Amino acid sequence: MGEKVKRKNAEQFRHLQDEAYGVLSDPNLLSDRRHVLARAYRCRRHDGGAAAQAGSQVILIPQADGRVLVLCGNRLVGEVVAEDCSTLVVVNREEPVLPVGEVSEQSELTGDFLVVCRSEDGQDDSTRDCDDSQ
């Protein structure tokens, strides 16, 4: 009786092993994976404004003078650092859509924060909106 159980388990294991090897030997192993492209922009908090909370969804709006404003809902919460503005302007020329991002990190000392923008196929619906009551 014990030998039959061992043989059956070994057969199931070999079958699963062969199936996994077939998947791994597929030349297009990564072709079915979602491509996630994320860009991070350093931002400075707007003077006198409420800070954006980590996880909040924000919109980056390029201006004619080269600055990029950061809005959370209808509130101005910050501005993208000058060094990162040039990258954002180039991206905006290629794809003229207002980038939507998520505040990922925030400095409690300076109020500076990091905004991560993902491409459409990498969008995450778990972001929470800003609370406009602040």
C-alpha atoms as a PDB file:
ATOM      1  CA  MET A   1       0.000   0.000   0.000  1.00  0.00           C
ATOM      2  CA  GLY A   2       2.800   2.440   0.852  1.00  0.00           C
ATOM      3  CA  GLU A   3       4.563   1.826  -2.460  1.00  0.00           C
ATOM      4  CA  LYS A   4       1.434   2.719  -4.449  1.00  0.00           C
ATOM      5  CA  VAL A   5       1.106   6.042  -2.615  1.00  0.00           C
ATOM      6  CA  LYS A   6       4.792   6.827  -3.153  1.00  0.00           C
ATOM      7  CA  ARG A   7       4.547   5.980  -6.871  1.00  0.00           C
ATOM      8  CA  LYS A   8       1.410   8.106  -7.261  1.00  0.00           C
ATOM      9  CA  ASN A   9       3.035  11.102  -5.519  1.00  0.00           C
ATOM     10  CA  ALA A  10       6.211  10.693  -7.587  1.00  0.00           C
ATOM     11  CA  GLU A  11       4.148  10.541 -10.795  1.00  0.00           C
ATOM     12  CA  GLN A  12       2.242  13.715  -9.842  1.00  0.00           C
ATOM     13  CA  PHE A  13       5.500  15.456  -8.999  1.00  0.00           C
ATOM     14  CA  ARG A  14       7.101  14.459 -12.337  1.00  0.00           C
ATOM     15  CA  HIS A  15       4.012  15.688 -14.187  1.00  0.00           C
ATOM     16  CA  LEU A  16       4.124  19.087 -12.417  1.00  0.00           C
ATOM     17  CA  GLN A  17       7.892  19.283 -12.939  1.00  0.00           C
ATOM     18  CA  ASP A  18       7.538  18.599 -16.673  1.00  0.00           C
ATOM     19  CA  GLU A  19       4.774  21.185 -16.948  1.00  0.00           C
ATOM     20  CA  ALA A  20       6.857  23.819 -15.130  1.00  0.00           C
ATOM     21  CA  TYR A  21       9.888  23.051 -17.294  1.00  0.00           C
ATOM     22  CA  GLY A  22       7.743  23.475 -20.419  1.00  0.00           C
ATOM     23  CA  VAL A  23       6.669  26.925 -19.240  1.00  0.00           C
ATOM     24  CA  LEU A  24      10.238  27.957 -18.400  1.00  0.00           C
ATOM     25  CA  SER A  25      11.629  26.727 -21.717  1.00  0.00           C
ATOM     26  CA  ASP A  26       9.122  28.857 -23.657  1.00  0.00           C
ATOM     27  CA  PRO A  27      11.133  31.422 -25.698  1.00  0.00           C
ATOM     28  CA  ASN A  28       8.470  34.090 -25.074  1.00  0.00           C
ATOM     29  CA  LEU A  29       8.488  33.728 -21.304  1.00  0.00           C
ATOM     30  CA  LEU A  30       8.309  37.476 -20.614  1.00  0.00           C
ATOM     31  CA  SER A  31       6.064  38.455 -23.517  1.00  0.00           C
ATOM     32  CA  ASP A  32       2.879  37.839 -21.502  1.00  0.00           C
ATOM     33  CA  ARG A  33       4.052  40.010 -18.605  1.00  0.00           C
ATOM     34  CA  ARG A  34       2.743  43.520 -18.120  1.00  0.00           C
ATOM     35  CA  HIS A  35       5.318  46.194 -18.785  1.00  0.00           C
ATOM     36  CA  VAL A  36       5.414  48.789 -16.038  1.00  0.00           C
ATOM     37  CA  LEU A  37       7.196  52.034 -16.725  1.00  0.00           C
ATOM     38  CA  ALA A  38       7.498  54.360 -13.759  1.00  0.00           C
ATOM     39  CA  ARG A  39       9.122  57.774 -13.519  1.00  0.00           C
ATOM     40  CA  ALA A  40       9.796  59.543 -10.247  1.00  0.00           C
ATOM     41  CA  TYR A  41       9.834  63.335  -9.892  1.00  0.00           C
ATOM     42  CA  ARG A  42      11.175  65.231  -6.892  1.00  0.00           C
ATOM     43  CA  CYS A  43       8.852  68.002  -5.741  1.00  0.00           C
ATOM     44  CA  ARG A  44       8.985  70.908  -3.328  1.00  0.00           C
ATOM     45  CA  ARG A  45       6.016  71.738  -1.152  1.00  0.00           C
ATOM     46  CA  HIS A  46       4.169  74.945  -2.021  1.00  0.00           C
ATOM     47  CA  ASP A  47       4.613  77.645   0.641  1.00  0.00           C
ATOM     48  CA  GLY A  48       1.591  78.019   2.857  1.00  0.00           C
ATOM     49  CA  GLY A  49      -0.210  75.055   1.343  1.00  0.00           C
ATOM     50  CA  ALA A  50      -1.173  71.771   2.906  1.00  0.00           C
ATOM     51  CA  ALA A  51       1.211  68.936   2.142  1.00  0.00           C
ATOM     52  CA  ALA A  52       0.121  66.036  -0.044  1.00  0.00           C
ATOM     53  CA  GLN A  53      -0.112  62.807   1.940  1.00  0.00           C
ATOM     54  CA  ALA A  54       1.769  59.683   0.871  1.00  0.00           C
ATOM     55  CA  GLY A  55      -0.483  57.619  -1.389  1.00  0.00           C
ATOM     56  CA  SER A  56      -2.429  60.639  -2.642  1.00  0.00           C
ATOM     57  CA  GLN A  57      -3.101  60.982  -6.337  1.00  0.00           C
ATOM     58  CA  VAL A  58      -1.698  64.168  -7.914  1.00  0.00           C
ATOM     59  CA  ILE A  59      -1.624  65.779 -11.372  1.00  0.00           C
ATOM     60  CA  LEU A  60       1.493  67.363 -12.872  1.00  0.00           C
ATOM     61  CA  ILE A  61       0.750  70.434 -14.998  1.00  0.00           C
ATOM     62  CA  PRO A  62       3.569  71.877 -17.158  1.00  0.00           C
ATOM     63  CA  GLN A  63       3.549  75.683 -17.440  1.00  0.00           C
ATOM     64  CA  ALA A  64       4.689  77.909 -20.334  1.00  0.00           C
ATOM     65  CA  ASP A  65       7.598  79.272 -18.276  1.00  0.00           C
ATOM     66  CA  GLY A  66       9.120  75.790 -17.789  1.00  0.00           C
ATOM     67  CA  ARG A  67       7.805  75.130 -14.300  1.00  0.00           C
ATOM     68  CA  VAL A  68       5.645  72.106 -13.491  1.00  0.00           C
ATOM     69  CA  LEU A  69       2.927  72.507 -10.867  1.00  0.00           C
ATOM     70  CA  VAL A  70       1.645  69.656  -8.697  1.00  0.00           C
ATOM     71  CA  LEU A  71      -2.094  69.638  -7.930  1.00  0.00           C
ATOM     72  CA  CYS A  72      -3.931  67.376  -5.540  1.00  0.00           C
ATOM     73  CA  GLY A  73      -7.604  67.672  -6.375  1.00  0.00           C
ATOM     74  CA  ASN A  74      -8.010  71.405  -6.952  1.00  0.00           C
ATOM     75  CA  ARG A  75      -5.266  72.483  -4.520  1.00  0.00           C
ATOM     76  CA  LEU A  76      -1.747  73.503  -5.469  1.00  0.00           C
ATOM     77  CA  VAL A  77       0.487  71.388  -3.227  1.00  0.00           C
ATOM     78  CA  GLY A  78       3.899  71.810  -4.816  1.00  0.00           C
ATOM     79  CA  GLU A  79       6.199  72.244  -7.747  1.00  0.00           C
ATOM     80  CA  VAL A  80       8.537  69.810  -9.501  1.00  0.00           C
ATOM     81  CA  VAL A  81      12.249  70.470  -8.879  1.00  0.00           C
ATOM     82  CA  ALA A  82      13.886  72.318 -11.800  1.00  0.00           C
ATOM     83  CA  GLU A  83      16.237  69.423 -12.648  1.00  0.00           C
ATOM     84  CA  ASP A  84      13.286  67.049 -13.143  1.00  0.00           C
ATOM     85  CA  CYS A  85      11.197  69.555 -15.128  1.00  0.00           C
ATOM     86  CA  SER A  86      13.229  69.074 -18.305  1.00  0.00           C
ATOM     87  CA  THR A  87      12.507  65.331 -18.300  1.00  0.00           C
ATOM     88  CA  LEU A  88       8.828  65.975 -17.772  1.00  0.00           C
ATOM     89  CA  VAL A  89       8.669  68.538 -20.594  1.00  0.00           C
ATOM     90  CA  VAL A  90      10.283  66.023 -23.001  1.00  0.00           C
ATOM     91  CA  VAL A  91       7.830  63.305 -21.922  1.00  0.00           C
ATOM     92  CA  ASN A  92       4.932  65.746 -22.306  1.00  0.00           C
ATOM     93  CA  ARG A  93       6.006  66.542 -25.900  1.00  0.00           C
ATOM     94  CA  GLU A  94       5.958  62.836 -26.770  1.00  0.00           C
ATOM     95  CA  GLU A  95       2.658  62.172 -25.030  1.00  0.00           C
ATOM     96  CA  PRO A  96       0.587  65.365 -24.555  1.00  0.00           C
ATOM     97  CA  VAL A  97      -1.394  64.080 -21.588  1.00  0.00           C
ATOM     98  CA  LEU A  98      -1.303  65.480 -18.066  1.00  0.00           C
ATOM     99  CA  PRO A  99       0.652  62.933 -16.036  1.00  0.00           C
ATOM    100  CA  VAL A 100      -1.139  61.539 -13.016  1.00  0.00           C
ATOM    101  CA  GLY A 101       1.035  60.198 -10.244  1.00  0.00           C
ATOM    102  CA  GLU A 102       1.065  59.055  -6.673  1.00  0.00           C
ATOM    103  CA  VAL A 103       2.941  60.630  -3.784  1.00  0.00           C
ATOM    104  CA  SER A 104       5.253  57.854  -2.654  1.00  0.00           C
ATOM    105  CA  GLU A 105       7.538  59.530  -0.113  1.00  0.00           C
ATOM    106  CA  GLN A 106       7.372  62.706   1.899  1.00  0.00           C
ATOM    107  CA  SER A 107       9.960  64.418   4.065  1.00  0.00           C
ATOM    108  CA  GLU A 108       8.520  65.545   7.381  1.00  0.00           C
ATOM    109  CA  LEU A 109      11.379  67.976   7.877  1.00  0.00           C
ATOM    110  CA  THR A 110      11.352  69.895   4.582  1.00  0.00           C
ATOM    111  CA  GLY A 111       7.952  68.989   3.158  1.00  0.00           C
ATOM    112  CA  ASP A 112       9.543  67.802  -0.101  1.00  0.00           C
ATOM    113  CA  PHE A 113       7.949  64.745  -1.657  1.00  0.00           C
ATOM    114  CA  LEU A 114       8.389  62.240  -4.465  1.00  0.00           C
ATOM    115  CA  VAL A 115       5.742  61.667  -7.159  1.00  0.00           C
ATOM    116  CA  VAL A 116       5.777  58.398  -9.109  1.00  0.00           C
ATOM    117  CA  CYS A 117       3.990  58.340 -12.483  1.00  0.00           C
ATOM    118  CA  ARG A 118       3.264  54.964 -14.051  1.00  0.00           C
ATOM    119  CA  SER A 119       2.399  54.161 -17.647  1.00  0.00           C
ATOM    120  CA  GLU A 120      -1.210  53.228 -18.419  1.00  0.00           C
ATOM    121  CA  ASP A 121      -0.636  49.470 -18.428  1.00  0.00           C
ATOM    122  CA  GLY A 122       0.965  49.778 -14.991  1.00  0.00           C
ATOM    123  CA  GLN A 123      -1.692  51.938 -13.357  1.00  0.00           C
ATOM    124  CA  ASP A 124      -2.601  50.912  -9.857  1.00  0.00           C
ATOM    125  CA  ASP A 125      -6.167  51.519  -8.711  1.00  0.00           C
ATOM    126  CA  SER A 126      -5.234  51.402  -5.044  1.00  0.00           C
ATOM    127  CA  THR A 127      -4.378  55.111  -4.861  1.00  0.00           C
ATOM    128  CA  ARG A 128      -6.505  57.234  -2.627  1.00  0.00           C
ATOM    129  CA  ASP A 129      -7.695  60.699  -3.513  1.00  0.00           C
ATOM    130  CA  CYS A 130      -6.718  63.842  -1.663  1.00  0.00           C
ATOM    131  CA  ASP A 131      -8.967  65.079   1.081  1.00  0.00           C
ATOM    132  CA  ASP A 132     -10.095  68.551  -0.036  1.00  0.00           C
ATOM    133  CA  SER A 133     -11.362  69.407   3.421  1.00  0.00           C
ATOM    134  CA  GLN A 134      -7.866  70.301   4.688  1.00  0.00           C
END
